[in-house]
Amino acid sequence: MTMSYPQDIQRRLIELEVEHRDLDAVIDALVRDLHRDEFQLRRLKKRKLQLKDHMTLLKMQLIPDIPA
């Protein structure tokens, strides 16, 4: 998905940050659970990394190009 307007990028970035924080809380709770599902834990950690990568790409789009 290509976004051209900074406000659209900012809005999407906020959505992803909220989801990232929520996943962090879920992962923390699972880690403390003795009967946790390791597969689910790995899947959630992978999703969290994907979100972080996507947020990084969006942040890069907000930085203006510098002429060489």
PDB file of N, CA and C in Angstrom:
ATOM      1  N   MET A   1       0.843  -1.164   0.000  1.00  0.00           N
ATOM      2  CA  MET A   1       0.000   0.000   0.000  1.00  0.00           C
ATOM      3  C   MET A   1       0.896   1.238   0.000  1.00  0.00           C
ATOM      4  N   THR A   2       0.695   2.106  -0.969  1.00  0.00           N
ATOM      5  CA  THR A   2       1.463   3.333  -1.060  1.00  0.00           C
ATOM      6  C   THR A   2       0.603   4.483  -0.581  1.00  0.00           C
ATOM      7  N   MET A   3       1.132   5.234   0.358  1.00  0.00           N
ATOM      8  CA  MET A   3       0.418   6.396   0.873  1.00  0.00           C
ATOM      9  C   MET A   3       1.202   7.633   0.489  1.00  0.00           C
ATOM     10  N   SER A   4       0.479   8.648   0.037  1.00  0.00           N
ATOM     11  CA  SER A   4       1.189   9.827  -0.438  1.00  0.00           C
ATOM     12  C   SER A   4       1.084  11.005   0.522  1.00  0.00           C
ATOM     13  N   TYR A   5       0.088  11.041   1.339  1.00  0.00           N
ATOM     14  CA  TYR A   5      -0.104  12.177   2.220  1.00  0.00           C
ATOM     15  C   TYR A   5       0.480  11.892   3.606  1.00  0.00           C
ATOM     16  N   PRO A   6       1.241  12.830   4.134  1.00  0.00           N
ATOM     17  CA  PRO A   6       1.849  12.617   5.465  1.00  0.00           C
ATOM     18  C   PRO A   6       0.828  12.309   6.551  1.00  0.00           C
ATOM     19  N   GLN A   7      -0.352  12.923   6.499  1.00  0.00           N
ATOM     20  CA  GLN A   7      -1.346  12.652   7.536  1.00  0.00           C
ATOM     21  C   GLN A   7      -1.861  11.218   7.439  1.00  0.00           C
ATOM     22  N   ASP A   8      -1.937  10.658   6.232  1.00  0.00           N
ATOM     23  CA  ASP A   8      -2.334   9.251   6.080  1.00  0.00           C
ATOM     24  C   ASP A   8      -1.261   8.332   6.649  1.00  0.00           C
ATOM     25  N   ILE A   9      -0.024   8.678   6.385  1.00  0.00           N
ATOM     26  CA  ILE A   9       1.090   7.880   6.903  1.00  0.00           C
ATOM     27  C   ILE A   9       1.108   7.940   8.421  1.00  0.00           C
ATOM     28  N   GLN A  10       0.926   9.134   8.976  1.00  0.00           N
ATOM     29  CA  GLN A  10       0.916   9.304  10.434  1.00  0.00           C
ATOM     30  C   GLN A  10      -0.216   8.498  11.066  1.00  0.00           C
ATOM     31  N   ARG A  11      -1.388   8.543  10.449  1.00  0.00           N
ATOM     32  CA  ARG A  11      -2.545   7.818  10.976  1.00  0.00           C
ATOM     33  C   ARG A  11      -2.262   6.311  10.984  1.00  0.00           C
ATOM     34  N   ARG A  12      -1.720   5.809   9.888  1.00  0.00           N
ATOM     35  CA  ARG A  12      -1.403   4.377   9.797  1.00  0.00           C
ATOM     36  C   ARG A  12      -0.315   4.005  10.800  1.00  0.00           C
ATOM     37  N   LEU A  13       0.646   4.883  10.976  1.00  0.00           N
ATOM     38  CA  LEU A  13       1.726   4.661  11.923  1.00  0.00           C
ATOM     39  C   LEU A  13       1.176   4.536  13.349  1.00  0.00           C
ATOM     40  N   ILE A  14       0.237   5.376  13.693  1.00  0.00           N
ATOM     41  CA  ILE A  14      -0.383   5.315  15.018  1.00  0.00           C
ATOM     42  C   ILE A  14      -1.130   3.993  15.195  1.00  0.00           C
ATOM     43  N   GLU A  15      -1.857   3.580  14.168  1.00  0.00           N
ATOM     44  CA  GLU A  15      -2.580   2.301  14.237  1.00  0.00           C
ATOM     45  C   GLU A  15      -1.614   1.142  14.476  1.00  0.00           C
ATOM     46  N   LEU A  16      -0.509   1.142  13.755  1.00  0.00           N
ATOM     47  CA  LEU A  16       0.469   0.068  13.890  1.00  0.00           C
ATOM     48  C   LEU A  16       1.146   0.105  15.267  1.00  0.00           C
ATOM     49  N   GLU A  17       1.410   1.295  15.778  1.00  0.00           N
ATOM     50  CA  GLU A  17       2.019   1.413  17.107  1.00  0.00           C
ATOM     51  C   GLU A  17       1.096   0.874  18.185  1.00  0.00           C
ATOM     52  N   VAL A  18      -0.198   1.128  18.049  1.00  0.00           N
ATOM     53  CA  VAL A  18      -1.176   0.606  19.010  1.00  0.00           C
ATOM     54  C   VAL A  18      -1.196  -0.923  18.948  1.00  0.00           C
ATOM     55  N   GLU A  19      -1.235  -1.466  17.741  1.00  0.00           N
ATOM     56  CA  GLU A  19      -1.237  -2.922  17.596  1.00  0.00           C
ATOM     57  C   GLU A  19       0.061  -3.521  18.152  1.00  0.00           C
ATOM     58  N   HIS A  20       1.187  -2.849  17.924  1.00  0.00           N
ATOM     59  CA  HIS A  20       2.488  -3.306  18.414  1.00  0.00           C
ATOM     60  C   HIS A  20       2.485  -3.349  19.943  1.00  0.00           C
ATOM     61  N   ARG A  21       1.950  -2.284  20.572  1.00  0.00           N
ATOM     62  CA  ARG A  21       1.860  -2.230  22.033  1.00  0.00           C
ATOM     63  C   ARG A  21       0.943  -3.318  22.579  1.00  0.00           C
ATOM     64  N   ASP A  22      -0.188  -3.527  21.899  1.00  0.00           N
ATOM     65  CA  ASP A  22      -1.126  -4.574  22.322  1.00  0.00           C
ATOM     66  C   ASP A  22      -0.474  -5.951  22.248  1.00  0.00           C
ATOM     67  N   LEU A  23       0.250  -6.196  21.169  1.00  0.00           N
ATOM     68  CA  LEU A  23       0.944  -7.475  21.022  1.00  0.00           C
ATOM     69  C   LEU A  23       1.984  -7.652  22.120  1.00  0.00           C
ATOM     70  N   ASP A  24       2.647  -6.588  22.472  1.00  0.00           N
ATOM     71  CA  ASP A  24       3.640  -6.630  23.544  1.00  0.00           C
ATOM     72  C   ASP A  24       2.995  -7.109  24.840  1.00  0.00           C
ATOM     73  N   ALA A  25       1.823  -6.575  25.148  1.00  0.00           N
ATOM     74  CA  ALA A  25       1.115  -6.970  26.369  1.00  0.00           C
ATOM     75  C   ALA A  25       0.693  -8.434  26.314  1.00  0.00           C
ATOM     76  N   VAL A  26       0.198  -8.869  25.158  1.00  0.00           N
ATOM     77  CA  VAL A  26      -0.235 -10.263  25.009  1.00  0.00           C
ATOM     78  C   VAL A  26       0.965 -11.209  25.132  1.00  0.00           C
ATOM     79  N   ILE A  27       2.067 -10.831  24.502  1.00  0.00           N
ATOM     80  CA  ILE A  27       3.274 -11.659  24.557  1.00  0.00           C
ATOM     81  C   ILE A  27       3.786 -11.750  25.991  1.00  0.00           C
ATOM     82  N   ASP A  28       3.802 -10.639  26.705  1.00  0.00           N
ATOM     83  CA  ASP A  28       4.229 -10.653  28.108  1.00  0.00           C
ATOM     84  C   ASP A  28       3.361 -11.585  28.944  1.00  0.00           C
ATOM     85  N   ALA A  29       2.058 -11.536  28.723  1.00  0.00           N
ATOM     86  CA  ALA A  29       1.141 -12.408  29.470  1.00  0.00           C
ATOM     87  C   ALA A  29       1.392 -13.875  29.130  1.00  0.00           C
ATOM     88  N   LEU A  30       1.628 -14.169  27.852  1.00  0.00           N
ATOM     89  CA  LEU A  30       1.888 -15.550  27.446  1.00  0.00           C
ATOM     90  C   LEU A  30       3.193 -16.074  28.037  1.00  0.00           C
ATOM     91  N   VAL A  31       4.203 -15.216  28.085  1.00  0.00           N
ATOM     92  CA  VAL A  31       5.503 -15.632  28.621  1.00  0.00           C
ATOM     93  C   VAL A  31       5.362 -16.031  30.090  1.00  0.00           C
ATOM     94  N   ARG A  32       4.516 -15.318  30.819  1.00  0.00           N
ATOM     95  CA  ARG A  32       4.314 -15.627  32.240  1.00  0.00           C
ATOM     96  C   ARG A  32       3.449 -16.872  32.463  1.00  0.00           C
ATOM     97  N   ASP A  33       2.711 -17.301  31.452  1.00  0.00           N
ATOM     98  CA  ASP A  33       1.819 -18.458  31.568  1.00  0.00           C
ATOM     99  C   ASP A  33       2.629 -19.749  31.449  1.00  0.00           C
ATOM    100  N   LEU A  34       2.530 -20.603  32.444  1.00  0.00           N
ATOM    101  CA  LEU A  34       3.276 -21.864  32.428  1.00  0.00           C
ATOM    102  C   LEU A  34       2.768 -22.831  31.359  1.00  0.00           C
ATOM    103  N   HIS A  35       1.503 -22.720  30.997  1.00  0.00           N
ATOM    104  CA  HIS A  35       0.898 -23.628  30.008  1.00  0.00           C
ATOM    105  C   HIS A  35       0.714 -22.922  28.668  1.00  0.00           C
ATOM    106  N   ARG A  36       1.694 -22.111  28.308  1.00  0.00           N
ATOM    107  CA  ARG A  36       1.573 -21.314  27.083  1.00  0.00           C
ATOM    108  C   ARG A  36       1.726 -22.187  25.832  1.00  0.00           C
ATOM    109  N   ASP A  37       1.186 -21.666  24.770  1.00  0.00           N
ATOM    110  CA  ASP A  37       1.285 -22.292  23.457  1.00  0.00           C
ATOM    111  C   ASP A  37       2.500 -21.680  22.757  1.00  0.00           C
ATOM    112  N   GLU A  38       3.568 -22.450  22.651  1.00  0.00           N
ATOM    113  CA  GLU A  38       4.821 -21.932  22.078  1.00  0.00           C
ATOM    114  C   GLU A  38       4.647 -21.508  20.616  1.00  0.00           C
ATOM    115  N   PHE A  39       3.820 -22.234  19.888  1.00  0.00           N
ATOM    116  CA  PHE A  39       3.572 -21.884  18.493  1.00  0.00           C
ATOM    117  C   PHE A  39       2.901 -20.511  18.401  1.00  0.00           C
ATOM    118  N   GLN A  40       1.900 -20.304  19.228  1.00  0.00           N
ATOM    119  CA  GLN A  40       1.213 -19.017  19.244  1.00  0.00           C
ATOM    120  C   GLN A  40       2.171 -17.899  19.654  1.00  0.00           C
ATOM    121  N   LEU A  41       3.026 -18.164  20.616  1.00  0.00           N
ATOM    122  CA  LEU A  41       3.994 -17.173  21.068  1.00  0.00           C
ATOM    123  C   LEU A  41       4.950 -16.785  19.933  1.00  0.00           C
ATOM    124  N   ARG A  42       5.454 -17.786  19.219  1.00  0.00           N
ATOM    125  CA  ARG A  42       6.337 -17.505  18.081  1.00  0.00           C
ATOM    126  C   ARG A  42       5.624 -16.706  16.999  1.00  0.00           C
ATOM    127  N   ARG A  43       4.368 -17.058  16.743  1.00  0.00           N
ATOM    128  CA  ARG A  43       3.577 -16.364  15.720  1.00  0.00           C
ATOM    129  C   ARG A  43       3.356 -14.897  16.099  1.00  0.00           C
ATOM    130  N   LEU A  44       3.060 -14.652  17.362  1.00  0.00           N
ATOM    131  CA  LEU A  44       2.843 -13.286  17.824  1.00  0.00           C
ATOM    132  C   LEU A  44       4.133 -12.465  17.774  1.00  0.00           C
ATOM    133  N   LYS A  45       5.244 -13.078  18.130  1.00  0.00           N
ATOM    134  CA  LYS A  45       6.529 -12.382  18.069  1.00  0.00           C
ATOM    135  C   LYS A  45       6.892 -12.040  16.619  1.00  0.00           C
ATOM    136  N   LYS A  46       6.591 -12.954  15.712  1.00  0.00           N
ATOM    137  CA  LYS A  46       6.864 -12.703  14.298  1.00  0.00           C
ATOM    138  C   LYS A  46       5.997 -11.548  13.791  1.00  0.00           C
ATOM    139  N   ARG A  47       4.734 -11.532  14.178  1.00  0.00           N
ATOM    140  CA  ARG A  47       3.831 -10.446  13.781  1.00  0.00           C
ATOM    141  C   ARG A  47       4.336  -9.111  14.333  1.00  0.00           C
ATOM    142  N   LYS A  48       4.828  -9.129  15.567  1.00  0.00           N
ATOM    143  CA  LYS A  48       5.348  -7.914  16.188  1.00  0.00           C
ATOM    144  C   LYS A  48       6.552  -7.382  15.396  1.00  0.00           C
ATOM    145  N   LEU A  49       7.422  -8.264  14.958  1.00  0.00           N
ATOM    146  CA  LEU A  49       8.566  -7.849  14.143  1.00  0.00           C
ATOM    147  C   LEU A  49       8.120  -7.297  12.795  1.00  0.00           C
ATOM    148  N   GLN A  50       7.102  -7.911  12.202  1.00  0.00           N
ATOM    149  CA  GLN A  50       6.575  -7.408  10.936  1.00  0.00           C
ATOM    150  C   GLN A  50       6.018  -5.998  11.105  1.00  0.00           C
ATOM    151  N   LEU A  51       5.325  -5.776  12.206  1.00  0.00           N
ATOM    152  CA  LEU A  51       4.783  -4.450  12.480  1.00  0.00           C
ATOM    153  C   LEU A  51       5.909  -3.430  12.628  1.00  0.00           C
ATOM    154  N   LYS A  52       6.949  -3.825  13.333  1.00  0.00           N
ATOM    155  CA  LYS A  52       8.077  -2.916  13.529  1.00  0.00           C
ATOM    156  C   LYS A  52       8.716  -2.559  12.185  1.00  0.00           C
ATOM    157  N   ASP A  53       8.902  -3.546  11.328  1.00  0.00           N
ATOM    158  CA  ASP A  53       9.464  -3.289  10.000  1.00  0.00           C
ATOM    159  C   ASP A  53       8.576  -2.343   9.194  1.00  0.00           C
ATOM    160  N   HIS A  54       7.275  -2.575   9.247  1.00  0.00           N
ATOM    161  CA  HIS A  54       6.333  -1.728   8.510  1.00  0.00           C
ATOM    162  C   HIS A  54       6.371  -0.301   9.059  1.00  0.00           C
ATOM    163  N   MET A  55       6.440  -0.160  10.381  1.00  0.00           N
ATOM    164  CA  MET A  55       6.515   1.175  10.981  1.00  0.00           C
ATOM    165  C   MET A  55       7.790   1.897  10.541  1.00  0.00           C
ATOM    166  N   THR A  56       8.882   1.175  10.450  1.00  0.00           N
ATOM    167  CA  THR A  56      10.143   1.768  10.011  1.00  0.00           C
ATOM    168  C   THR A  56      10.026   2.274   8.578  1.00  0.00           C
ATOM    169  N   LEU A  57       9.402   1.485   7.710  1.00  0.00           N
ATOM    170  CA  LEU A  57       9.213   1.915   6.323  1.00  0.00           C
ATOM    171  C   LEU A  57       8.341   3.163   6.237  1.00  0.00           C
ATOM    172  N   LEU A  58       7.294   3.211   7.041  1.00  0.00           N
ATOM    173  CA  LEU A  58       6.423   4.381   7.028  1.00  0.00           C
ATOM    174  C   LEU A  58       7.159   5.612   7.542  1.00  0.00           C
ATOM    175  N   LYS A  59       7.962   5.446   8.575  1.00  0.00           N
ATOM    176  CA  LYS A  59       8.728   6.576   9.110  1.00  0.00           C
ATOM    177  C   LYS A  59       9.705   7.093   8.062  1.00  0.00           C
ATOM    178  N   MET A  60      10.272   6.193   7.287  1.00  0.00           N
ATOM    179  CA  MET A  60      11.199   6.601   6.229  1.00  0.00           C
ATOM    180  C   MET A  60      10.476   7.424   5.160  1.00  0.00           C
ATOM    181  N   GLN A  61       9.204   7.119   4.913  1.00  0.00           N
ATOM    182  CA  GLN A  61       8.438   7.877   3.934  1.00  0.00           C
ATOM    183  C   GLN A  61       8.174   9.308   4.405  1.00  0.00           C
ATOM    184  N   LEU A  62       8.208   9.528   5.704  1.00  0.00           N
ATOM    185  CA  LEU A  62       7.962  10.860   6.246  1.00  0.00           C
ATOM    186  C   LEU A  62       9.190  11.757   6.156  1.00  0.00           C
ATOM    187  N   ILE A  63      10.366  11.158   5.956  1.00  0.00           N
ATOM    188  CA  ILE A  63      11.605  11.930   5.859  1.00  0.00           C
ATOM    189  C   ILE A  63      11.731  12.439   4.435  1.00  0.00           C
ATOM    190  N   PRO A  64      11.862  13.759   4.269  1.00  0.00           N
ATOM    191  CA  PRO A  64      11.976  14.291   2.900  1.00  0.00           C
ATOM    192  C   PRO A  64      13.278  13.864   2.243  1.00  0.00           C
ATOM    193  N   ASP A  65      13.228  13.717   0.925  1.00  0.00           N
ATOM    194  CA  ASP A  65      14.417  13.366   0.153  1.00  0.00           C
ATOM    195  C   ASP A  65      15.412  14.531   0.192  1.00  0.00           C
ATOM    196  N   ILE A  66      16.665  14.197   0.343  1.00  0.00           N
ATOM    197  CA  ILE A  66      17.717  15.203   0.355  1.00  0.00           C
ATOM    198  C   ILE A  66      18.444  15.111  -0.988  1.00  0.00           C
ATOM    199  N   PRO A  67      18.518  16.223  -1.718  1.00  0.00           N
ATOM    200  CA  PRO A  67      19.206  16.172  -3.012  1.00  0.00           C
ATOM    201  C   PRO A  67      20.688  15.843  -2.824  1.00  0.00           C
ATOM    202  N   ALA A  68      21.221  15.077  -3.750  1.00  0.00           N
ATOM    203  CA  ALA A  68      22.630  14.655  -3.649  1.00  0.00           C
ATOM    204  C   ALA A  68      23.589  15.770  -3.954  1.00  0.00           C
TER     205      ALA A  68
END
